[in-house]
């Protein structure tokens, strides 16, 4: 049976609290389960990791082991119609990235208003790019269009990992990898969600204001992330004093690493982390904070990414899989994570009867935000602590 090695970053998304990527898409039409199943069978032949489970091979290593059959589609029915703000939990079945469990789960719910298709995939298997590459490919197959083949090549990247890298103290992981070492991650828990919309006009105005105040170039993502950081993180901080505060930004390194396949199917993330202190976060202009974000992103070049991955590899090999479950994407007490998914090709997820009319994301971890595509702007999804 086919087995694939994990990249160092894949391990970060295994174990408790490993945050699968889970979306529910609503369609006005009723999707045909047989059509979906046939298309899924075809596309899974080219995206074998989708039908994988984690196989533990030692105290320090997993492999992805492929099942013989593609993921099953769980077909359900509901009397409620998907609407904006609908609790997505009723439509989904999130995966857990634990040994022996399926790493892809698909639920099709037939409602009086059409169908809701929910897909949950382990973040160890995919990042945002690969998640939507799969959905777009699945839809293309169902429409009879040509499939855009992915690359499953991992050895090219793994061969660049420095296996002689030394283990580092856990407190050095932030500087080396943009990650944080603390207590064991908690399993998924309730998150209080907030959603709002930013128009293109308001985004452009904010970017222009930030550029004028600092006289330097910055992106829309830099400015939006800075605004979210300043607005929300102070709400979640407890205690007195002026602690160091952090912002984590996951970045796709496909376009950064030389020789790395742009069509790679897997998780190709590194982590840019900006920091300041609480008072500066409260008092700085959006332009100042956006420059901190831009500086953190700019540091993530190929040399730094390889150094980060080599450090993660050495940390796991020396300390074991249990230590990996103590790695956090954001600082547990004084950090926030912002993910940009504005390039999600929502319109491409058309199985032959039209693109999704709406969608909703599922959050398992609080103190974070996602920037999602919206008509004429961006949809912002914020995860507040449940308490």
Protein backbone atom coordinates (compact mmCIF):
# COMPACT_ATOMS: atom_id res chain seq x y z
CA UNK A 1 0.00 0.00 0.00
CA UNK A 2 1.33 3.43 -0.95
CA UNK A 3 3.07 5.47 1.74
CA UNK A 4 4.31 9.06 1.66
CA UNK A 5 6.71 10.83 4.04
CA UNK A 6 5.64 13.99 5.86
CA UNK A 7 7.39 17.32 5.44
CA UNK A 8 8.58 18.93 8.69
CA UNK A 9 5.72 21.43 8.59
CA UNK A 10 3.13 18.65 8.18
CA UNK A 11 3.92 17.42 11.68
CA UNK A 12 2.85 20.77 13.15
CA UNK A 13 -0.71 19.89 12.12
CA UNK A 14 -0.86 16.45 13.75
CA UNK A 15 -2.23 15.54 17.15
CA UNK A 16 -4.74 17.36 19.35
CA UNK A 17 -5.80 20.84 18.29
CA UNK A 18 -4.32 20.44 14.80
CA UNK A 19 -6.89 22.59 13.00
CA UNK A 20 -8.24 20.89 9.86
CA UNK A 21 -9.42 23.03 6.97
CA UNK A 22 -13.20 22.80 6.93
CA UNK A 23 -15.69 24.69 4.75
CA UNK A 24 -19.36 24.23 3.91
CA UNK A 25 -20.60 25.39 0.49
CA UNK A 26 -24.28 25.91 -0.22
CA UNK A 27 -25.79 25.38 -3.67
CA UNK A 28 -29.22 26.43 -4.88
CA UNK A 29 -29.36 23.29 -7.02
CA UNK A 30 -29.56 19.76 -5.63
CA UNK A 31 -26.24 18.04 -6.20
CA UNK A 32 -26.30 14.45 -7.46
CA UNK A 33 -24.49 12.13 -4.98
CA UNK A 34 -23.66 9.60 -7.70
CA UNK A 35 -22.13 12.26 -9.94
CA UNK A 36 -20.05 13.55 -7.01
CA UNK A 37 -18.92 10.04 -6.05
CA UNK A 38 -17.83 9.20 -9.61
CA UNK A 39 -15.91 12.46 -9.91
CA UNK A 40 -14.31 11.97 -6.51
CA UNK A 41 -13.12 8.50 -7.50
CA UNK A 42 -11.44 9.92 -10.61
CA UNK A 43 -9.76 12.88 -8.96
CA UNK A 44 -8.59 10.81 -5.96
CA UNK A 45 -6.49 8.71 -8.34
CA UNK A 46 -4.33 11.82 -8.89
CA UNK A 47 -4.51 13.12 -5.31
CA UNK A 48 -3.80 9.94 -3.39
CA UNK A 49 -2.98 11.69 -0.09
CA UNK A 50 -6.68 12.51 0.25
CA UNK A 51 -7.43 8.89 1.08
CA UNK A 52 -4.62 8.61 3.62
CA UNK A 53 -4.35 7.96 7.33
CA UNK A 54 -1.43 8.66 9.63
CA UNK A 55 0.75 5.61 10.26
CA UNK A 56 3.17 5.92 13.18
CA UNK A 57 6.48 4.31 12.27
CA UNK A 58 8.56 5.37 15.31
CA UNK A 59 8.56 7.72 18.30
CA UNK A 60 9.50 10.55 15.94
CA UNK A 61 7.88 9.75 12.60
CA UNK A 62 4.58 9.34 10.80
CA UNK A 63 3.84 8.40 7.23
CA UNK A 64 0.72 9.02 5.17
CA UNK A 65 -0.63 5.58 4.28
CA UNK A 66 -3.20 5.50 1.49
CA UNK A 67 -6.45 3.55 1.82
CA UNK A 68 -7.47 1.51 -1.24
CA UNK A 69 -10.66 3.52 -1.74
CA UNK A 70 -11.37 7.27 -1.98
CA UNK A 71 -13.16 9.06 0.87
CA UNK A 72 -16.84 8.19 1.19
CA UNK A 73 -19.52 10.86 0.86
CA UNK A 74 -21.86 10.94 3.85
CA UNK A 75 -25.27 11.90 2.43
CA UNK A 76 -27.73 13.47 4.86
CA UNK A 77 -30.95 15.45 4.77
CA UNK A 78 -32.08 18.50 6.71
CA UNK A 79 -35.27 20.53 6.91
CA UNK A 80 -33.34 23.77 7.48
CA UNK A 81 -32.06 25.97 4.65
CA UNK A 82 -28.49 27.27 4.68
CA UNK A 83 -28.48 31.03 5.27
CA UNK A 84 -25.86 33.64 6.04
CA UNK A 85 -24.85 33.25 9.65
CA UNK A 86 -26.09 29.65 9.85
CA UNK A 87 -24.19 27.56 12.37
CA UNK A 88 -21.96 25.46 10.16
CA UNK A 89 -21.54 22.69 12.75
CA UNK A 90 -24.78 21.01 11.68
CA UNK A 91 -23.38 20.34 8.19
CA UNK A 92 -19.81 19.26 8.86
CA UNK A 93 -17.80 16.34 10.20
CA UNK A 94 -14.32 17.71 11.03
CA UNK A 95 -11.39 15.33 10.77
CA UNK A 96 -8.90 14.73 13.56
CA UNK A 97 -5.27 14.38 12.53
CA UNK A 98 -4.63 11.36 14.72
CA UNK A 99 -3.08 8.01 13.90
CA UNK A 100 -5.44 5.67 12.08
CA UNK A 101 -8.26 8.15 11.52
CA UNK A 102 -9.44 9.31 8.07
CA UNK A 103 -7.84 12.61 7.11
CA UNK A 104 -10.63 13.62 4.69
CA UNK A 105 -14.35 13.71 5.46
CA UNK A 106 -17.09 14.83 3.07
CA UNK A 107 -20.73 15.45 3.96
CA UNK A 108 -23.49 16.22 1.44
CA UNK A 109 -26.68 17.56 3.04
CA UNK A 110 -29.84 17.81 0.93
CA UNK A 111 -32.13 20.64 2.06
CA UNK A 112 -35.37 22.22 0.77
CA UNK A 113 -33.25 25.04 -0.64
CA UNK A 114 -30.64 22.93 -2.44
CA UNK A 115 -27.48 21.16 -1.25
CA UNK A 116 -24.73 21.89 1.26
CA UNK A 117 -21.36 20.29 0.55
CA UNK A 118 -18.97 20.23 3.52
CA UNK A 119 -15.35 19.15 3.14
CA UNK A 120 -12.90 18.74 6.02
CA UNK A 121 -9.27 17.82 5.29
CA UNK A 122 -6.35 17.53 7.68
CA UNK A 123 -4.08 20.55 7.55
CA UNK A 124 -1.19 18.08 7.55
CA UNK A 125 -2.38 16.99 4.10
CA UNK A 126 -3.26 20.34 2.56
CA UNK A 127 -2.95 24.07 2.90
CA UNK A 128 -5.48 26.52 1.46
CA UNK A 129 -4.02 26.26 -2.05
CA UNK A 130 -4.20 22.45 -2.15
CA UNK A 131 -7.62 22.34 -0.48
CA UNK A 132 -9.12 24.44 -3.24
CA UNK A 133 -7.02 22.76 -5.94
CA UNK A 134 -8.78 19.55 -4.93
CA UNK A 135 -12.25 21.10 -4.91
CA UNK A 136 -11.72 22.83 -8.26
CA UNK A 137 -10.35 19.60 -9.78
CA UNK A 138 -13.24 17.58 -8.40
CA UNK A 139 -15.71 20.04 -9.90
CA UNK A 140 -13.88 20.06 -13.26
CA UNK A 141 -14.00 16.27 -13.38
CA UNK A 142 -17.75 16.28 -12.71
CA UNK A 143 -18.22 18.79 -15.54
CA UNK A 144 -16.14 16.68 -17.91
CA UNK A 145 -13.33 19.27 -18.15
CA UNK A 146 -9.62 18.54 -18.28
CA UNK A 147 -8.00 17.92 -14.91
CA UNK A 148 -5.11 20.15 -13.81
CA UNK A 149 -2.72 17.54 -12.47
CA UNK A 150 -0.98 18.18 -9.14
CA UNK A 151 2.59 17.36 -8.16
CA UNK A 152 3.03 14.86 -5.33
CA UNK A 153 6.82 15.21 -5.36
CA UNK A 154 8.19 15.54 -1.82
CA UNK A 155 11.73 14.22 -2.08
CA UNK A 156 13.05 17.31 -3.88
CA UNK A 157 12.16 19.44 -0.87
CA UNK A 158 13.09 16.83 1.74
CA UNK A 159 16.52 16.45 0.15
CA UNK A 160 17.22 20.10 1.00
CA UNK A 161 16.51 19.63 4.70
CA UNK A 162 19.68 19.77 6.79
CA UNK A 163 19.53 16.49 8.72
CA UNK A 164 22.62 17.53 10.70
CA UNK A 165 20.87 20.58 12.16
CA UNK A 166 21.10 20.72 15.93
CA UNK A 167 18.17 20.70 18.27
CA UNK A 168 17.36 24.17 19.63
CA UNK A 169 15.87 25.18 22.99
CA UNK A 170 12.07 25.45 22.73
CA UNK A 171 12.19 29.18 23.44
CA UNK A 172 14.26 29.66 20.26
CA UNK A 173 11.55 28.26 17.98
CA UNK A 174 9.85 31.63 17.60
CA UNK A 175 12.95 33.23 16.11
CA UNK A 176 13.82 30.14 14.07
CA UNK A 177 10.39 29.04 12.85
CA UNK A 178 7.80 31.64 13.84
CA UNK A 179 6.13 29.11 16.17
CA UNK A 180 5.61 28.98 19.93
CA UNK A 181 6.33 26.21 22.42
CA UNK A 182 3.99 25.95 25.39
CA UNK A 183 1.69 23.38 26.97
CA UNK A 184 0.09 20.59 24.95
CA UNK A 185 -2.51 21.93 22.54
CA UNK A 186 -6.11 21.49 23.55
CA UNK A 187 -8.58 19.53 21.49
CA UNK A 188 -11.16 21.52 19.52
CA UNK A 189 -13.54 23.67 21.53
CA UNK A 190 -16.31 26.15 20.95
CA UNK A 191 -15.30 29.43 19.34
CA UNK A 192 -17.47 32.54 19.26
CA UNK A 193 -17.45 33.80 15.67
CA UNK A 194 -17.77 37.34 14.37
CA UNK A 195 -18.20 38.12 10.69
CA UNK A 196 -18.07 41.42 8.87
CA UNK A 197 -17.39 42.79 5.40
CA UNK A 198 -14.69 45.18 4.20
CA UNK A 199 -15.47 46.86 0.89
CA UNK A 200 -12.82 47.36 -1.78
CA UNK A 201 -13.17 51.11 -1.25
CA UNK A 202 -12.50 50.90 2.49
CA UNK A 203 -9.52 48.58 1.91
CA UNK A 204 -8.00 50.88 -0.71
CA UNK A 205 -8.52 53.88 1.56
CA UNK A 206 -6.82 52.13 4.48
CA UNK A 207 -3.87 51.05 2.32
CA UNK A 208 -3.46 54.52 0.83
CA UNK A 209 -3.59 56.11 4.28
CA UNK A 210 -0.97 53.69 5.61
CA UNK A 211 1.32 54.27 2.64
CA UNK A 212 1.07 58.03 2.92
CA UNK A 213 1.77 57.98 6.65
CA UNK A 214 4.92 55.89 6.23
CA UNK A 215 5.96 56.68 2.68
CA UNK A 216 6.67 53.02 1.95
CA UNK A 217 5.07 50.30 -0.11
CA UNK A 218 2.86 47.70 1.59
CA UNK A 219 0.18 45.29 0.48
CA UNK A 220 -3.52 45.11 1.24
CA UNK A 221 -2.86 42.02 3.36
CA UNK A 222 -0.24 43.90 5.41
CA UNK A 223 -2.71 46.66 6.23
CA UNK A 224 -5.75 44.43 6.90
CA UNK A 225 -3.69 42.14 9.15
CA UNK A 226 -2.33 45.14 11.05
CA UNK A 227 -5.83 46.58 11.55
CA UNK A 228 -7.16 43.24 12.83
CA UNK A 229 -4.16 42.83 15.14
CA UNK A 230 -4.68 46.25 16.70
CA UNK A 231 -8.44 45.90 16.99
CA UNK A 232 -8.80 42.40 18.41
CA UNK A 233 -5.71 41.24 20.25
CA UNK A 234 -6.05 43.88 23.04
CA UNK A 235 -9.58 42.55 23.67
CA UNK A 236 -8.19 39.09 24.40
CA UNK A 237 -5.23 40.05 26.60
CA UNK A 238 -5.54 39.63 30.33
CA UNK A 239 -3.46 40.95 33.19
CA UNK A 240 -1.48 44.14 33.66
CA UNK A 241 1.92 45.14 32.41
CA UNK A 242 3.26 45.63 28.92
CA UNK A 243 3.90 42.13 27.55
CA UNK A 244 5.30 41.28 24.14
CA UNK A 245 2.47 40.66 21.66
CA UNK A 246 2.64 38.68 18.43
CA UNK A 247 0.96 38.31 15.05
CA UNK A 248 1.43 35.10 13.06
CA UNK A 249 0.87 35.01 9.30
CA UNK A 250 0.98 31.65 7.46
CA UNK A 251 2.65 32.03 4.05
CA UNK A 252 2.66 29.74 1.01
CA UNK A 253 6.29 29.10 0.03
CA UNK A 254 5.60 27.49 -3.38
CA UNK A 255 6.60 30.69 -5.16
CA UNK A 256 9.62 31.32 -2.93
CA UNK A 257 11.52 28.02 -2.96
CA UNK A 258 13.60 27.50 -6.11
CA UNK A 259 12.82 24.25 -7.89
CA UNK A 260 9.70 23.66 -5.84
CA UNK A 261 6.67 22.64 -7.88
CA UNK A 262 4.04 25.39 -8.04
CA UNK A 263 1.37 22.68 -8.35
CA UNK A 264 2.59 20.79 -5.26
CA UNK A 265 -0.29 19.03 -3.50
CA UNK A 266 0.32 19.23 0.24
CA UNK A 267 0.98 21.74 2.98
CA UNK A 268 3.59 24.29 1.88
CA UNK A 269 3.39 26.79 4.72
CA UNK A 270 5.96 28.79 6.63
CA UNK A 271 5.16 31.29 9.37
CA UNK A 272 6.01 34.97 9.45
CA UNK A 273 5.70 36.42 12.95
CA UNK A 274 5.61 40.12 13.81
CA UNK A 275 5.91 41.41 17.36
CA UNK A 276 5.78 44.56 19.45
CA UNK A 277 4.62 45.38 22.97
CA UNK A 278 1.06 45.98 24.16
CA UNK A 279 1.36 49.76 24.49
CA UNK A 280 2.92 50.11 21.04
CA UNK A 281 0.16 47.92 19.59
CA UNK A 282 -2.45 50.22 21.11
CA UNK A 283 -0.75 53.49 20.20
CA UNK A 284 0.87 52.84 16.81
CA UNK A 285 -0.70 53.90 13.53
CA UNK A 286 -1.95 51.21 11.13
CA UNK A 287 0.92 52.19 8.87
CA UNK A 288 3.51 51.51 11.57
CA UNK A 289 2.00 48.11 12.34
CA UNK A 290 1.67 47.26 8.64
CA UNK A 291 5.40 47.88 8.26
CA UNK A 292 6.08 45.40 11.06
CA UNK A 293 3.96 42.91 9.15
CA UNK A 294 5.75 43.65 5.87
CA UNK A 295 9.15 43.25 7.53
CA UNK A 296 8.17 39.84 8.97
CA UNK A 297 6.91 38.67 5.58
CA UNK A 298 9.99 39.95 3.75
CA UNK A 299 12.27 37.90 5.99
CA UNK A 300 10.72 34.67 4.72
CA UNK A 301 13.09 33.93 1.87
CA UNK A 302 14.26 30.50 0.72
CA UNK A 303 17.24 30.40 3.11
CA UNK A 304 15.09 31.25 6.12
CA UNK A 305 12.39 28.76 5.09
CA UNK A 306 14.90 25.91 4.79
CA UNK A 307 16.46 26.89 8.11
CA UNK A 308 13.03 26.87 9.69
CA UNK A 309 12.15 23.44 8.26
CA UNK A 310 15.51 21.98 9.27
CA UNK A 311 14.98 23.29 12.80
CA UNK A 312 11.50 21.74 12.97
CA UNK A 313 12.90 18.45 11.70
CA UNK A 314 15.68 18.40 14.31
CA UNK A 315 13.25 19.37 17.09
CA UNK A 316 10.96 16.44 16.27
CA UNK A 317 13.75 13.90 15.80
CA UNK A 318 15.32 14.80 19.13
CA UNK A 319 12.19 15.28 21.23
CA UNK A 320 9.57 13.02 19.63
CA UNK A 321 6.02 13.40 18.37
CA UNK A 322 4.67 14.31 21.81
CA UNK A 323 6.81 17.47 21.80
CA UNK A 324 5.34 18.50 18.44
CA UNK A 325 1.89 18.69 20.07
CA UNK A 326 3.26 21.52 22.21
CA UNK A 327 3.90 23.70 19.17
CA UNK A 328 1.43 26.55 18.66
CA UNK A 329 0.90 28.69 15.57
CA UNK A 330 0.18 31.74 17.69
CA UNK A 331 1.39 32.72 21.15
CA UNK A 332 -1.15 31.04 23.47
CA UNK A 333 -1.46 34.05 25.81
CA UNK A 334 -0.57 37.13 23.77
CA UNK A 335 -0.77 36.22 20.12
CA UNK A 336 -3.12 36.25 17.15
CA UNK A 337 -3.05 34.49 13.78
CA UNK A 338 -4.40 35.97 10.53
CA UNK A 339 -4.80 33.82 7.42
CA UNK A 340 -5.38 35.30 3.98
CA UNK A 341 -7.61 33.14 1.75
CA UNK A 342 -8.87 35.86 -0.58
CA UNK A 343 -7.67 33.91 -3.61
CA UNK A 344 -10.04 31.03 -2.93
CA UNK A 345 -11.58 30.15 -6.34
CA UNK A 346 -15.16 29.91 -5.07
CA UNK A 347 -16.54 30.32 -8.59
CA UNK A 348 -14.60 27.25 -9.78
CA UNK A 349 -16.37 24.86 -7.39
CA UNK A 350 -19.13 24.29 -9.93
CA UNK A 351 -20.14 20.65 -10.32
CA UNK A 352 -22.26 21.40 -13.36
CA UNK A 353 -25.23 23.25 -11.89
CA UNK A 354 -23.63 26.51 -10.80
CA UNK A 355 -21.10 27.88 -8.35
CA UNK A 356 -21.83 28.00 -4.61
CA UNK A 357 -24.36 30.62 -3.60
CA UNK A 358 -22.68 31.01 -0.21
CA UNK A 359 -20.07 29.40 2.01
CA UNK A 360 -19.03 29.25 5.63
CA UNK A 361 -15.76 28.31 7.32
CA UNK A 362 -15.42 26.35 10.54
CA UNK A 363 -13.01 27.58 13.19
CA UNK A 364 -11.59 25.29 15.85
CA UNK A 365 -9.05 27.66 17.40
CA UNK A 366 -9.80 31.06 18.89
CA UNK A 367 -7.81 34.30 18.73
CA UNK A 368 -7.51 34.29 14.99
CA UNK A 369 -9.01 35.76 11.85
CA UNK A 370 -9.41 34.72 8.23
CA UNK A 371 -9.58 37.12 5.30
CA UNK A 372 -11.96 35.52 2.80
CA UNK A 373 -13.21 36.53 -0.65
CA UNK A 374 -16.37 38.56 -0.96
CA UNK A 375 -18.19 40.30 -3.76
CA UNK A 376 -16.73 43.80 -3.95
CA UNK A 377 -14.40 43.31 -1.01
CA UNK A 378 -13.35 40.84 1.67
CA UNK A 379 -15.27 38.87 4.25
CA UNK A 380 -13.58 38.79 7.65
CA UNK A 381 -14.13 35.89 10.02
CA UNK A 382 -12.88 36.37 13.59
CA UNK A 383 -12.70 33.64 16.22
CA UNK A 384 -13.15 34.97 19.76
CA UNK A 385 -12.47 32.90 22.86
CA UNK A 386 -15.73 31.21 23.85
CA UNK A 387 -15.58 32.78 27.31
